[in-house]
Amino acid sequence: MPALDLVDLRSDTLTVPDAGMRAAMATAEVGDDVWGEDPTVRRLEQEMARLLGKEAAVFVPSGTMGNLACVAAQTRPGDEVIADAEAHLVAYEVGGTAIVAGVQLRALDCVDGIPDAGSIDAAVRDPDIHQPVTTLLSIENTHNRRGGAAIDAARIGAAAHAAHNRGLRVHCDGARLFNAAVALGVAPAELVVECDTVTVCVSKGLGAPVGSVVSGDTGTIESVRRWRKRLGGGMRQAGVIAAAGLYALEHNVARLAEDHANARVIADELDGCPGVTLRRPAVATNIVRFDTLAPAAELAARMSEQNVLVSTMGPHTLRCVTHLNVSAGGAQRAAGVVARVLST
């Protein structure tokens, strides 16, 4: 019997460029980006800023660098940043905000990862020489560890207004912002109109091999660009990879709806499986996160034996992420494998 095709649901970072994207990369016009002379990088930055309704943008090697540069550009050492306890900034960025930016994080436990106005107001420190100064609110959309939740503009606006009323700036980790926009049926700019800075990854569901773009007002982006250089993120003929980002924005945004549909297939199959608790947000996207009674690592290993790869997110938590390299048929087969393993 032939081996079953591999269905890799570990992450949407595993996407690979298609032939059209590779051709765009191969023919990209390039220059030295640190000198501001790479025309393809400039086009990517301008296009992302336009799509998000911002004045300017800067291309960075990764979302982690983008988030760190945004925090550093909008705080001073010793300040405090409010963030959700399950945020990528808290869980997956190796303490960079503390080590490099010199700030501490105040972690809140929030529904879908977005604090309400009252929680923000309560978390802002009063003027006191014994306490840090609260200067930034960081939110995440979609929210990875909250099950890929897409957060609507009204909730983001309410949080941002509360932060701005207390003198804070607002950063959005929008690694999967375009997933949120497609799921909610709105333009991405509507979701970040109240955010001062936004980081968007082109290397996840959008399918480019590397890179993120930070957008915001001109002055802040110049500071982020300086931090990019300080962090070792200055790139030379980066148009080769920026071309992939431009291709992704042109060809791979609308199709994110396919990933969301494939994720629903998996979630629907798992719903009701014995010993399984689905973390199903109000507006889901391409992430299916669920808790199990059995050890997650053992379950993942059994799924791997049937050529379905999933990731573990805790001793009893698993995650499936759909993306452009997972077909509808692959999602259906994976759903069956995952459900059978969980039911036996």
Protein backbone atom coordinates (compact mmCIF):
# COMPACT_ATOMS: atom_id res chain seq x y z
CA MET A 1 0.00 0.00 0.00
CA PRO A 2 1.49 3.40 -0.95
CA ALA A 3 2.35 5.80 1.84
CA LEU A 4 -0.25 8.43 2.56
CA ASP A 5 0.67 12.00 1.68
CA LEU A 6 2.01 14.03 4.57
CA VAL A 7 -0.37 16.63 6.02
CA ASP A 8 1.70 19.07 8.06
CA LEU A 9 -0.47 21.06 10.45
CA ARG A 10 2.27 22.12 12.85
CA SER A 11 2.30 25.76 11.71
CA ASP A 12 1.52 28.09 8.82
CA THR A 13 5.21 29.10 8.92
CA LEU A 14 5.84 25.87 7.00
CA THR A 15 4.45 27.23 3.73
CA VAL A 16 6.81 27.16 0.76
CA PRO A 17 6.89 29.55 -2.25
CA ASP A 18 5.01 28.43 -5.33
CA ALA A 19 6.36 28.78 -8.86
CA GLY A 20 4.90 32.26 -9.35
CA MET A 21 6.42 33.54 -6.12
CA ARG A 22 9.79 32.03 -6.97
CA ALA A 23 9.71 33.71 -10.36
CA ALA A 24 8.93 37.07 -8.74
CA MET A 25 11.88 36.59 -6.41
CA ALA A 26 14.22 35.60 -9.22
CA THR A 27 13.44 38.70 -11.26
CA ALA A 28 13.21 41.22 -8.40
CA GLU A 29 14.86 44.60 -8.86
CA VAL A 30 17.26 45.08 -5.94
CA GLY A 31 19.54 47.56 -4.24
CA ASP A 32 21.09 48.12 -0.81
CA ASP A 33 18.16 48.40 1.60
CA VAL A 34 20.23 49.77 4.51
CA TRP A 35 21.06 52.66 2.19
CA GLY A 36 17.38 52.95 1.32
CA GLU A 37 18.09 51.93 -2.27
CA ASP A 38 16.16 48.68 -2.73
CA PRO A 39 13.13 49.58 -4.88
CA THR A 40 11.31 46.30 -4.25
CA VAL A 41 11.60 46.68 -0.48
CA ARG A 42 10.31 50.24 -0.80
CA ARG A 43 7.31 49.01 -2.81
CA LEU A 44 6.48 46.38 -0.20
CA GLU A 45 6.70 48.93 2.60
CA GLN A 46 4.53 51.42 0.73
CA GLU A 47 1.95 48.79 -0.15
CA MET A 48 1.65 47.51 3.42
CA ALA A 49 1.36 51.04 4.78
CA ARG A 50 -1.37 51.74 2.21
CA LEU A 51 -3.29 48.58 3.06
CA LEU A 52 -3.17 49.39 6.78
CA GLY A 53 -3.87 53.09 6.42
CA LYS A 54 -0.54 54.12 7.94
CA GLU A 55 2.00 56.77 6.95
CA ALA A 56 5.06 54.54 6.65
CA ALA A 57 6.41 51.02 7.04
CA VAL A 58 9.69 49.12 7.42
CA PHE A 59 10.55 45.58 6.31
CA VAL A 60 12.10 43.42 9.06
CA PRO A 61 13.40 39.84 9.05
CA SER A 62 10.85 38.47 11.55
CA GLY A 63 7.74 39.25 13.53
CA THR A 64 9.65 38.83 16.76
CA MET A 65 12.10 41.54 15.70
CA GLY A 66 9.21 43.71 14.57
CA ASN A 67 7.43 43.42 17.91
CA LEU A 68 10.61 44.06 19.88
CA ALA A 69 11.54 47.10 17.77
CA CYS A 70 8.04 48.52 18.22
CA VAL A 71 8.19 48.06 21.99
CA ALA A 72 11.66 49.59 22.18
CA ALA A 73 10.72 52.52 19.96
CA GLN A 74 7.71 53.44 22.10
CA THR A 75 9.04 52.93 25.63
CA ARG A 76 12.01 53.74 27.82
CA PRO A 77 13.98 51.27 29.97
CA GLY A 78 12.11 50.69 33.21
CA ASP A 79 8.66 51.23 31.67
CA GLU A 80 5.83 48.70 31.78
CA VAL A 81 3.88 47.21 28.86
CA ILE A 82 0.39 45.75 29.25
CA ALA A 83 -0.18 42.51 27.32
CA ASP A 84 -2.36 39.42 27.47
CA ALA A 85 -0.88 36.57 29.51
CA GLU A 86 -1.09 34.25 26.48
CA ALA A 87 0.32 36.76 23.99
CA HIS A 88 3.15 35.86 21.62
CA LEU A 89 5.05 38.78 23.15
CA VAL A 90 4.89 37.03 26.52
CA ALA A 91 5.18 33.36 25.54
CA TYR A 92 7.42 33.13 22.48
CA GLU A 93 9.85 36.04 22.25
CA VAL A 94 12.57 34.82 24.62
CA GLY A 95 12.25 37.70 27.07
CA GLY A 96 13.54 40.16 24.48
CA THR A 97 11.45 43.02 25.82
CA ALA A 98 13.19 42.68 29.19
CA ILE A 99 16.70 41.89 27.95
CA VAL A 100 16.88 44.38 25.08
CA ALA A 101 14.22 47.04 25.60
CA GLY A 102 14.55 46.98 29.39
CA VAL A 103 10.82 46.96 30.06
CA GLN A 104 8.64 44.66 32.08
CA LEU A 105 5.36 43.12 30.97
CA ARG A 106 2.15 43.31 32.97
CA ALA A 107 0.23 40.22 31.90
CA LEU A 108 -3.57 40.22 32.01
CA ASP A 109 -5.89 37.24 31.50
CA CYS A 110 -8.31 38.45 28.85
CA VAL A 111 -11.18 36.97 26.84
CA ASP A 112 -9.76 36.25 23.36
CA GLY A 113 -6.60 38.04 24.51
CA ILE A 114 -8.03 41.57 24.29
CA PRO A 115 -8.43 43.47 27.59
CA ASP A 116 -11.55 45.57 28.06
CA ALA A 117 -11.41 49.24 28.99
CA GLY A 118 -11.87 48.59 32.69
CA SER A 119 -9.01 46.07 32.81
CA ILE A 120 -6.70 48.47 31.01
CA ASP A 121 -7.60 51.35 33.28
CA ALA A 122 -7.00 49.20 36.36
CA ALA A 123 -3.65 47.95 35.03
CA VAL A 124 -2.15 51.39 34.34
CA ARG A 125 0.19 52.34 37.19
CA ASP A 126 -0.54 55.44 39.22
CA PRO A 127 2.27 58.00 39.41
CA ASP A 128 4.51 56.64 42.16
CA ILE A 129 8.30 56.55 42.43
CA HIS A 130 8.04 52.92 43.57
CA GLN A 131 6.34 51.76 40.37
CA PRO A 132 7.23 51.58 36.68
CA VAL A 133 5.56 53.94 34.22
CA THR A 134 2.96 52.26 31.99
CA THR A 135 3.54 53.45 28.43
CA LEU A 136 2.27 50.83 25.97
CA LEU A 137 -0.58 48.39 25.38
CA SER A 138 0.25 45.43 23.13
CA ILE A 139 -2.57 43.40 21.57
CA GLU A 140 -2.57 40.43 19.20
CA ASN A 141 -4.85 39.76 16.21
CA THR A 142 -5.44 36.97 15.38
CA HIS A 143 -4.56 35.54 18.76
CA ASN A 144 -2.52 32.36 18.44
CA ARG A 145 -2.81 30.86 21.94
CA ARG A 146 -6.48 31.87 22.20
CA GLY A 147 -7.35 29.49 19.36
CA GLY A 148 -6.71 31.79 16.42
CA ALA A 149 -9.36 34.26 17.54
CA ALA A 150 -10.09 37.11 15.12
CA ILE A 151 -10.79 40.29 17.08
CA ASP A 152 -13.22 42.81 15.59
CA ALA A 153 -12.63 46.52 15.18
CA ALA A 154 -15.04 47.52 17.94
CA ARG A 155 -13.16 45.58 20.61
CA ILE A 156 -9.79 46.78 19.38
CA GLY A 157 -11.06 50.35 19.24
CA ALA A 158 -12.43 50.18 22.79
CA ALA A 159 -9.12 48.86 24.12
CA ALA A 160 -7.11 51.42 22.17
CA HIS A 161 -9.31 54.31 23.30
CA ALA A 162 -8.90 53.26 26.93
CA ALA A 163 -5.13 53.08 26.48
CA HIS A 164 -4.87 56.40 24.67
CA ASN A 165 -7.02 58.08 27.32
CA ARG A 166 -4.37 57.10 29.87
CA GLY A 167 -1.52 58.34 27.69
CA LEU A 168 -0.43 54.92 26.41
CA ARG A 169 0.48 54.06 22.85
CA VAL A 170 -0.91 50.89 21.27
CA HIS A 171 0.94 48.18 19.35
CA CYS A 172 -0.77 45.38 17.44
CA ASP A 173 1.03 42.11 16.88
CA GLY A 174 -0.82 41.43 13.66
CA ALA A 175 1.25 38.46 12.54
CA ARG A 176 -1.98 36.97 11.13
CA LEU A 177 -3.90 40.25 10.73
CA PHE A 178 -4.98 39.39 7.19
CA ASN A 179 -6.51 36.14 8.50
CA ALA A 180 -8.55 38.26 10.89
CA ALA A 181 -9.62 40.67 8.16
CA VAL A 182 -10.75 37.86 5.85
CA ALA A 183 -12.61 36.05 8.63
CA LEU A 184 -14.38 39.24 9.70
CA GLY A 185 -15.04 40.41 6.15
CA VAL A 186 -13.40 43.81 6.60
CA ALA A 187 -10.41 45.68 5.21
CA PRO A 188 -7.30 45.16 7.37
CA ALA A 189 -7.00 48.91 7.90
CA GLU A 190 -10.32 48.88 9.79
CA LEU A 191 -8.81 46.60 12.43
CA VAL A 192 -5.81 48.81 13.19
CA VAL A 193 -7.08 52.35 12.71
CA GLU A 194 -6.60 53.01 16.45
CA CYS A 195 -3.22 51.22 16.69
CA ASP A 196 -0.01 53.26 16.61
CA THR A 197 2.15 50.44 15.27
CA VAL A 198 1.34 47.12 13.59
CA THR A 199 3.52 44.12 12.76
CA VAL A 200 2.32 41.83 9.95
CA CYS A 201 4.09 38.60 8.97
CA VAL A 202 4.22 37.74 5.29
CA SER A 203 5.84 34.38 6.14
CA LYS A 204 2.78 32.68 7.68
CA GLY A 205 -0.51 32.19 5.87
CA LEU A 206 0.46 34.66 3.17
CA GLY A 207 3.07 32.15 2.06
CA ALA A 208 6.29 34.16 1.69
CA PRO A 209 9.49 32.45 2.90
CA VAL A 210 10.64 35.15 5.33
CA GLY A 211 9.89 38.60 6.68
CA SER A 212 7.44 40.93 8.40
CA VAL A 213 6.44 44.55 7.86
CA VAL A 214 5.97 47.11 10.63
CA SER A 215 3.64 50.04 9.89
CA GLY A 216 2.86 53.26 11.76
CA ASP A 217 3.43 57.00 11.73
CA THR A 218 6.56 58.32 10.03
CA GLY A 219 8.43 59.31 13.18
CA THR A 220 7.85 56.01 14.98
CA ILE A 221 8.79 53.98 11.90
CA GLU A 222 12.08 55.87 11.65
CA SER A 223 12.76 54.86 15.25
CA VAL A 224 11.77 51.26 14.46
CA ARG A 225 14.14 51.33 11.48
CA ARG A 226 16.97 52.44 13.78
CA TRP A 227 16.11 49.61 16.17
CA ARG A 228 16.10 47.17 13.25
CA LYS A 229 19.69 48.19 12.51
CA ARG A 230 20.63 48.00 16.18
CA LEU A 231 19.22 44.47 16.41
CA GLY A 232 21.19 43.31 13.38
CA GLY A 233 18.21 43.33 11.05
CA GLY A 234 19.59 45.66 8.40
CA MET A 235 19.45 43.78 5.09
CA ARG A 236 21.19 44.51 1.82
CA GLN A 237 19.67 43.30 -1.47
CA ALA A 238 16.51 42.34 0.38
CA GLY A 239 14.29 42.91 -2.64
CA VAL A 240 14.71 39.21 -3.42
CA ILE A 241 12.60 38.35 -0.37
CA ALA A 242 10.47 41.51 -0.41
CA ALA A 243 9.26 40.44 -3.86
CA ALA A 244 7.78 37.35 -2.24
CA GLY A 245 5.90 39.58 0.19
CA LEU A 246 4.48 41.68 -2.64
CA TYR A 247 3.45 38.55 -4.51
CA ALA A 248 1.77 37.25 -1.35
CA LEU A 249 -0.25 40.44 -0.88
CA GLU A 250 -1.43 40.26 -4.48
CA HIS A 251 -2.22 36.54 -4.70
CA ASN A 252 -2.63 34.99 -1.25
CA VAL A 253 -4.95 37.19 0.82
CA ALA A 254 -8.41 36.22 -0.45
CA ARG A 255 -7.50 32.53 -0.43
CA LEU A 256 -7.01 32.63 3.37
CA ALA A 257 -10.74 31.85 3.50
CA GLU A 258 -9.86 28.36 2.21
CA ASP A 259 -7.58 27.83 5.21
CA HIS A 260 -10.37 28.91 7.56
CA ALA A 261 -12.78 26.50 5.89
CA ASN A 262 -10.27 23.66 6.19
CA ALA A 263 -9.76 24.46 9.87
CA ARG A 264 -13.53 24.29 10.41
CA VAL A 265 -13.54 20.79 8.90
CA ILE A 266 -11.00 19.69 11.51
CA ALA A 267 -12.75 21.49 14.39
CA ASP A 268 -16.15 20.04 13.44
CA GLU A 269 -14.69 16.53 13.36
CA LEU A 270 -13.13 16.96 16.81
CA ASP A 271 -16.21 18.50 18.36
CA GLY A 272 -17.67 15.85 20.63
CA CYS A 273 -14.64 13.55 20.65
CA PRO A 274 -14.38 11.95 24.10
CA GLY A 275 -11.96 13.69 26.46
CA VAL A 276 -11.43 16.61 24.08
CA THR A 277 -12.13 20.26 24.86
CA LEU A 278 -12.08 22.53 21.82
CA ARG A 279 -10.98 26.13 22.35
CA ARG A 280 -13.35 27.59 19.80
CA PRO A 281 -13.34 31.41 19.64
CA ALA A 282 -16.32 33.47 18.51
CA VAL A 283 -14.63 34.14 15.14
CA ALA A 284 -12.24 31.35 14.23
CA THR A 285 -9.54 31.37 11.57
CA ASN A 286 -6.91 28.81 10.59
CA ILE A 287 -5.97 27.54 14.06
CA VAL A 288 -7.63 24.66 15.91
CA ARG A 289 -6.51 24.36 19.51
CA PHE A 290 -7.82 21.70 21.87
CA ASP A 291 -7.13 20.11 25.24
CA THR A 292 -6.96 16.37 25.86
CA LEU A 293 -6.96 13.99 28.80
CA ALA A 294 -4.12 11.90 27.35
CA PRO A 295 -0.58 13.32 27.09
CA ALA A 296 -0.33 15.58 24.05
CA ALA A 297 3.11 14.32 23.00
CA GLU A 298 1.88 10.71 22.86
CA LEU A 299 -1.14 11.68 20.78
CA ALA A 300 0.98 13.74 18.38
CA ALA A 301 3.35 10.79 17.92
CA ARG A 302 0.46 8.49 17.06
CA MET A 303 -0.86 10.97 14.52
CA SER A 304 2.61 11.29 13.02
CA GLU A 305 2.62 7.53 12.39
CA GLN A 306 -0.26 8.18 10.00
CA ASN A 307 1.53 11.09 8.28
CA VAL A 308 -0.40 13.85 10.05
CA LEU A 309 1.77 16.30 11.96
CA VAL A 310 0.38 18.54 14.71
CA SER A 311 2.09 20.64 17.35
CA THR A 312 1.94 20.37 21.12
CA MET A 313 1.29 23.55 23.10
CA GLY A 314 1.38 22.09 26.59
CA PRO A 315 1.26 18.73 28.37
CA HIS A 316 -2.37 18.22 27.32
CA THR A 317 -2.85 20.76 24.52
CA LEU A 318 -2.54 20.28 20.76
CA ARG A 319 -2.79 22.65 17.83
CA CYS A 320 -3.59 22.20 14.13
CA VAL A 321 -2.87 25.06 11.72
CA THR A 322 -4.12 25.04 8.13
CA HIS A 323 -2.32 26.90 5.36
CA LEU A 324 -1.89 27.10 1.60
CA ASN A 325 0.02 23.82 1.44
CA VAL A 326 -2.90 21.93 3.03
CA SER A 327 -5.62 21.03 0.53
CA ALA A 328 -9.27 20.45 1.33
CA GLY A 329 -8.68 16.73 0.86
CA GLY A 330 -5.65 16.83 3.13
CA ALA A 331 -7.63 18.63 5.82
CA GLN A 332 -10.43 16.06 5.58
CA ARG A 333 -7.98 13.15 5.90
CA ALA A 334 -6.17 14.83 8.77
CA ALA A 335 -9.46 15.47 10.55
CA GLY A 336 -10.27 11.77 10.37
CA VAL A 337 -6.84 10.72 11.63
CA VAL A 338 -6.86 13.18 14.53
CA ALA A 339 -10.40 12.19 15.54
CA ARG A 340 -9.60 8.46 15.45
CA VAL A 341 -6.46 8.86 17.53
CA LEU A 342 -8.32 10.98 20.08
CA SER A 343 -11.16 8.47 20.27
CA THR A 344 -9.02 5.37 20.89
